[in-house]
N, C-alpha and C. Protein backbone atom coordinates (compact mmCIF):
# COMPACT_ATOMS: atom_id res chain seq x y z
N MET A 1 1.13 -1.33 4.43
CA MET A 1 1.16 -1.29 2.93
C MET A 1 -0.14 -0.80 2.36
N ALA A 2 -1.28 -1.60 2.58
CA ALA A 2 -2.52 -1.15 2.06
C ALA A 2 -2.99 0.07 2.81
N ASN A 3 -2.75 0.18 4.06
CA ASN A 3 -3.17 1.32 4.89
C ASN A 3 -2.56 2.59 4.20
N ASP A 4 -1.27 2.54 3.86
CA ASP A 4 -0.65 3.68 3.25
C ASP A 4 -1.30 4.00 1.99
N ILE A 5 -1.63 3.12 1.17
CA ILE A 5 -2.30 3.32 -0.09
C ILE A 5 -3.65 4.11 0.10
N PHE A 6 -4.45 3.56 0.92
CA PHE A 6 -5.85 4.15 1.12
C PHE A 6 -5.71 5.48 1.80
N SER A 7 -4.79 5.66 2.79
CA SER A 7 -4.67 6.91 3.53
C SER A 7 -4.16 8.09 2.65
N GLY A 8 -3.56 7.77 1.56
CA GLY A 8 -3.00 8.76 0.60
C GLY A 8 -3.81 8.99 -0.60
N LEU A 9 -4.97 8.34 -0.70
CA LEU A 9 -5.80 8.51 -1.93
C LEU A 9 -6.32 9.87 -2.24
N ALA A 10 -6.82 10.56 -1.31
CA ALA A 10 -7.51 11.87 -1.54
C ALA A 10 -6.51 12.82 -2.11
N ALA A 11 -5.20 12.76 -1.69
CA ALA A 11 -4.24 13.74 -2.26
C ALA A 11 -3.97 13.51 -3.66
N GLY A 12 -4.12 12.39 -4.22
CA GLY A 12 -3.82 12.24 -5.64
C GLY A 12 -4.98 12.03 -6.59
N TYR A 13 -6.14 12.38 -6.08
CA TYR A 13 -7.39 12.11 -6.85
C TYR A 13 -7.54 13.18 -8.00
N LYS A 14 -7.89 12.67 -9.22
CA LYS A 14 -8.08 13.57 -10.36
C LYS A 14 -9.68 13.52 -10.58
N LYS A 15 -10.21 14.64 -10.24
CA LYS A 15 -11.79 14.70 -10.30
C LYS A 15 -12.44 14.52 -11.61
N GLU A 16 -11.71 14.83 -12.70
CA GLU A 16 -12.26 14.77 -13.97
C GLU A 16 -12.61 13.34 -14.48
N ILE A 17 -12.11 12.33 -13.83
CA ILE A 17 -12.43 11.01 -14.30
C ILE A 17 -13.85 10.56 -13.98
N PHE A 18 -14.32 10.94 -12.87
CA PHE A 18 -15.73 10.52 -12.44
C PHE A 18 -16.59 11.73 -12.38
N SER A 19 -17.46 11.84 -13.36
CA SER A 19 -18.50 12.96 -13.38
C SER A 19 -19.72 12.63 -12.57
N VAL A 20 -19.84 11.35 -12.25
CA VAL A 20 -21.01 10.84 -11.48
C VAL A 20 -20.36 10.13 -10.29
N LYS A 21 -20.97 10.18 -9.14
CA LYS A 21 -20.50 9.46 -7.90
C LYS A 21 -20.49 8.03 -8.16
N LYS A 22 -19.36 7.40 -7.80
CA LYS A 22 -19.15 5.94 -7.71
C LYS A 22 -18.65 5.50 -6.34
N VAL A 23 -19.17 4.39 -5.89
CA VAL A 23 -18.69 3.92 -4.57
C VAL A 23 -17.99 2.52 -4.85
N PHE A 24 -16.82 2.52 -4.27
CA PHE A 24 -15.95 1.24 -4.34
C PHE A 24 -15.80 0.71 -2.94
N TYR A 25 -15.92 -0.60 -2.91
CA TYR A 25 -15.65 -1.31 -1.59
C TYR A 25 -14.55 -2.24 -1.83
N PHE A 26 -13.43 -2.03 -0.93
CA PHE A 26 -12.34 -3.02 -1.05
C PHE A 26 -12.11 -3.82 0.18
N SER A 27 -11.89 -5.15 -0.08
CA SER A 27 -11.63 -6.09 0.99
C SER A 27 -10.21 -6.54 0.63
N VAL A 28 -9.22 -6.08 1.49
CA VAL A 28 -7.82 -6.45 1.25
C VAL A 28 -7.33 -7.13 2.47
N ASP A 29 -7.20 -8.49 2.34
CA ASP A 29 -6.87 -9.42 3.44
C ASP A 29 -7.91 -9.23 4.50
N GLU A 30 -7.61 -8.83 5.63
CA GLU A 30 -8.60 -8.60 6.79
C GLU A 30 -9.15 -7.17 6.87
N ALA A 31 -8.58 -6.25 6.12
CA ALA A 31 -8.98 -4.86 6.15
C ALA A 31 -10.06 -4.45 5.14
N ARG A 32 -10.91 -3.52 5.44
CA ARG A 32 -12.00 -3.09 4.60
C ARG A 32 -11.97 -1.56 4.36
N TRP A 33 -12.25 -1.10 3.17
CA TRP A 33 -12.39 0.38 2.97
C TRP A 33 -13.56 0.62 1.96
N THR A 34 -14.12 1.73 2.15
CA THR A 34 -15.13 2.25 1.21
C THR A 34 -14.63 3.54 0.66
N VAL A 35 -14.60 3.64 -0.64
CA VAL A 35 -13.98 4.78 -1.30
C VAL A 35 -15.11 5.36 -2.17
N THR A 36 -15.42 6.61 -2.08
CA THR A 36 -16.47 7.31 -2.84
C THR A 36 -15.78 8.30 -3.65
N LEU A 37 -16.01 8.19 -5.06
CA LEU A 37 -15.29 9.13 -5.96
C LEU A 37 -16.37 9.87 -6.78
N GLY A 38 -16.18 11.06 -7.01
CA GLY A 38 -17.08 11.91 -7.82
C GLY A 38 -16.54 13.25 -8.14
N PRO A 39 -17.22 14.01 -8.80
CA PRO A 39 -16.83 15.39 -9.17
C PRO A 39 -16.48 16.26 -8.05
N GLU A 40 -17.00 15.93 -6.82
CA GLU A 40 -16.81 16.76 -5.64
C GLU A 40 -15.50 16.34 -4.91
N GLY A 41 -15.02 15.21 -5.22
CA GLY A 41 -13.73 14.77 -4.56
C GLY A 41 -13.79 13.28 -4.23
N CYS A 42 -12.77 12.92 -3.25
CA CYS A 42 -12.53 11.58 -2.94
C CYS A 42 -12.79 11.49 -1.37
N LEU A 43 -13.64 10.49 -1.00
CA LEU A 43 -13.90 10.20 0.33
C LEU A 43 -13.41 8.71 0.71
N VAL A 44 -12.49 8.55 1.62
CA VAL A 44 -12.05 7.27 2.05
C VAL A 44 -12.47 6.99 3.43
N GLU A 45 -13.24 5.86 3.59
CA GLU A 45 -13.60 5.52 4.95
C GLU A 45 -13.23 4.12 5.28
N GLU A 46 -12.78 3.86 6.47
CA GLU A 46 -12.40 2.54 6.85
C GLU A 46 -13.66 1.74 7.17
N GLY A 47 -13.62 0.51 6.74
CA GLY A 47 -14.78 -0.37 6.92
C GLY A 47 -15.79 -0.24 5.79
N LYS A 48 -16.89 -1.02 5.93
CA LYS A 48 -17.93 -0.98 4.94
C LYS A 48 -19.00 -0.02 5.42
N THR A 49 -19.12 1.08 4.75
CA THR A 49 -20.03 2.14 5.18
C THR A 49 -21.21 2.33 4.28
N VAL A 50 -21.40 1.42 3.33
CA VAL A 50 -22.56 1.44 2.41
C VAL A 50 -23.18 0.10 2.31
N GLU A 51 -24.55 0.02 2.01
CA GLU A 51 -25.10 -1.22 1.88
C GLU A 51 -24.66 -1.87 0.62
N GLU A 52 -24.60 -1.14 -0.57
CA GLU A 52 -24.24 -1.67 -1.83
C GLU A 52 -23.20 -0.72 -2.44
N ALA A 53 -22.14 -1.30 -2.96
CA ALA A 53 -21.17 -0.48 -3.72
C ALA A 53 -21.29 -0.73 -5.29
N ASP A 54 -20.89 0.29 -6.03
CA ASP A 54 -20.92 0.14 -7.45
C ASP A 54 -19.90 -0.90 -7.88
N CYS A 55 -18.87 -0.90 -7.18
CA CYS A 55 -17.63 -1.87 -7.58
C CYS A 55 -17.13 -2.38 -6.21
N VAL A 56 -17.05 -3.77 -6.27
CA VAL A 56 -16.44 -4.39 -5.09
C VAL A 56 -15.26 -5.12 -5.50
N CYS A 57 -14.19 -5.00 -4.75
CA CYS A 57 -12.93 -5.61 -5.10
C CYS A 57 -12.28 -6.35 -3.83
N LYS A 58 -11.87 -7.65 -4.13
CA LYS A 58 -11.27 -8.41 -3.02
C LYS A 58 -9.97 -8.94 -3.56
N THR A 59 -8.96 -8.64 -2.81
CA THR A 59 -7.59 -9.12 -3.15
C THR A 59 -6.65 -9.15 -1.94
N SER A 60 -5.44 -9.45 -2.05
CA SER A 60 -4.48 -9.49 -0.97
C SER A 60 -3.75 -8.19 -0.98
N ALA A 61 -3.15 -7.88 0.14
CA ALA A 61 -2.30 -6.65 0.22
C ALA A 61 -1.11 -6.76 -0.66
N ASP A 62 -0.45 -7.89 -0.79
CA ASP A 62 0.63 -7.98 -1.69
C ASP A 62 0.28 -7.74 -3.19
N PHE A 63 -0.96 -8.36 -3.60
CA PHE A 63 -1.34 -8.06 -4.99
C PHE A 63 -1.71 -6.61 -5.22
N LEU A 64 -2.37 -5.98 -4.28
CA LEU A 64 -2.68 -4.63 -4.36
C LEU A 64 -1.41 -3.80 -4.47
N ASP A 65 -0.45 -3.97 -3.71
CA ASP A 65 0.83 -3.27 -3.72
C ASP A 65 1.47 -3.51 -5.08
N ARG A 66 1.34 -4.63 -5.64
CA ARG A 66 1.90 -4.91 -6.99
C ARG A 66 1.25 -4.10 -8.01
N ILE A 67 -0.04 -3.88 -7.92
CA ILE A 67 -0.80 -3.06 -8.88
C ILE A 67 -0.54 -1.58 -8.59
N TRP A 68 -0.59 -1.13 -7.36
CA TRP A 68 -0.52 0.26 -7.05
C TRP A 68 0.88 0.83 -7.14
N THR A 69 1.91 0.17 -6.69
CA THR A 69 3.21 0.72 -6.73
C THR A 69 4.13 0.15 -7.67
N GLY A 70 3.70 -1.08 -8.37
CA GLY A 70 4.52 -1.75 -9.25
C GLY A 70 3.98 -1.57 -10.66
N GLY A 71 2.82 -1.03 -10.87
CA GLY A 71 2.24 -0.66 -12.14
C GLY A 71 1.72 -1.86 -12.88
N TYR A 72 1.56 -3.03 -12.15
CA TYR A 72 1.00 -4.22 -12.71
C TYR A 72 -0.53 -4.05 -12.99
N ARG A 73 -0.92 -4.52 -14.10
CA ARG A 73 -2.42 -4.52 -14.42
C ARG A 73 -2.84 -5.97 -14.44
N PRO A 74 -3.88 -6.31 -13.69
CA PRO A 74 -4.32 -7.62 -13.59
C PRO A 74 -4.86 -8.09 -14.97
N SER A 75 -4.62 -9.39 -15.32
CA SER A 75 -5.05 -9.96 -16.59
C SER A 75 -6.36 -10.78 -16.20
N ALA A 76 -6.93 -11.30 -17.27
CA ALA A 76 -8.06 -12.19 -17.06
C ALA A 76 -7.67 -13.46 -16.34
N MET A 77 -6.38 -13.83 -16.51
CA MET A 77 -6.00 -15.06 -15.80
C MET A 77 -5.92 -14.74 -14.25
N ASP A 78 -5.56 -13.52 -13.84
CA ASP A 78 -5.58 -13.15 -12.47
C ASP A 78 -7.00 -13.26 -11.82
N PHE A 79 -7.91 -12.81 -12.61
CA PHE A 79 -9.36 -12.84 -12.14
C PHE A 79 -9.80 -14.34 -12.04
N MET A 80 -9.38 -15.15 -13.06
CA MET A 80 -9.89 -16.47 -13.13
C MET A 80 -9.16 -17.33 -11.97
N ALA A 81 -7.90 -16.92 -11.69
CA ALA A 81 -7.16 -17.61 -10.61
C ALA A 81 -7.61 -17.18 -9.22
N GLY A 82 -8.36 -16.14 -9.15
CA GLY A 82 -8.79 -15.62 -7.85
C GLY A 82 -7.87 -14.74 -7.05
N LYS A 83 -6.83 -14.22 -7.83
CA LYS A 83 -5.92 -13.29 -7.17
C LYS A 83 -6.55 -12.03 -6.92
N ILE A 84 -7.52 -11.67 -7.83
CA ILE A 84 -8.30 -10.50 -7.47
C ILE A 84 -9.70 -10.79 -7.98
N LYS A 85 -10.71 -10.35 -7.27
CA LYS A 85 -12.14 -10.54 -7.59
C LYS A 85 -12.85 -9.29 -7.59
N SER A 86 -13.74 -9.04 -8.62
CA SER A 86 -14.56 -7.90 -8.71
C SER A 86 -15.82 -8.08 -9.46
N ASN A 87 -16.88 -7.40 -9.09
CA ASN A 87 -18.09 -7.43 -9.83
C ASN A 87 -18.15 -6.49 -10.97
N ALA A 88 -17.04 -5.65 -11.10
CA ALA A 88 -17.02 -4.64 -12.12
C ALA A 88 -15.45 -4.30 -12.47
N PRO A 89 -14.85 -5.14 -13.13
CA PRO A 89 -13.32 -4.90 -13.37
C PRO A 89 -13.13 -3.64 -14.18
N GLN A 90 -14.06 -3.31 -15.04
CA GLN A 90 -13.94 -2.04 -15.89
C GLN A 90 -13.84 -0.78 -14.98
N GLU A 91 -14.64 -0.81 -13.86
CA GLU A 91 -14.53 0.29 -12.94
C GLU A 91 -13.20 0.33 -12.19
N LEU A 92 -12.59 -0.69 -12.04
CA LEU A 92 -11.24 -0.78 -11.35
C LEU A 92 -10.28 0.00 -12.20
N GLN A 93 -10.40 -0.20 -13.59
CA GLN A 93 -9.49 0.52 -14.50
C GLN A 93 -9.71 1.94 -14.41
N ARG A 94 -10.95 2.44 -14.24
CA ARG A 94 -11.21 3.83 -14.06
C ARG A 94 -10.75 4.40 -12.70
N PHE A 95 -10.88 3.53 -11.74
CA PHE A 95 -10.38 3.82 -10.38
C PHE A 95 -8.88 4.07 -10.45
N LEU A 96 -8.11 3.30 -11.05
CA LEU A 96 -6.62 3.46 -11.24
C LEU A 96 -6.36 4.74 -11.95
N ALA A 97 -7.05 5.07 -13.08
CA ALA A 97 -6.98 6.27 -13.86
C ALA A 97 -7.22 7.54 -13.05
N ALA A 98 -8.17 7.42 -12.08
CA ALA A 98 -8.54 8.59 -11.29
C ALA A 98 -7.30 9.04 -10.31
N PHE A 99 -6.30 8.14 -10.20
CA PHE A 99 -5.12 8.39 -9.34
C PHE A 99 -3.82 8.42 -10.15
N GLY A 100 -4.04 8.55 -11.51
CA GLY A 100 -2.79 8.60 -12.41
C GLY A 100 -2.07 7.20 -12.48
N LYS A 101 -2.81 6.19 -12.24
CA LYS A 101 -2.08 4.90 -12.34
C LYS A 101 -2.42 4.12 -13.60
């Protein structure tokens, strides 16, 4: 499920959303991905490939699927309940927009 989402990211990326390079690090259950977005494109790497990411997101595969394929948008309550954790929630909104979500 999460593997399918991350493996298909590059094909759906809209370059106009990020004029400056941003690095996202995702921890989804036991899997990890680093996604770099910018005006040059989208790079998806398995694992943690950077020392520090601009945005870190930790969630479950089920919750990620609900967001990605179900169109759900996390509320403040989801963050407070720990269903999703991030150091930059506003960047997650831009991340979704960069893929037409």
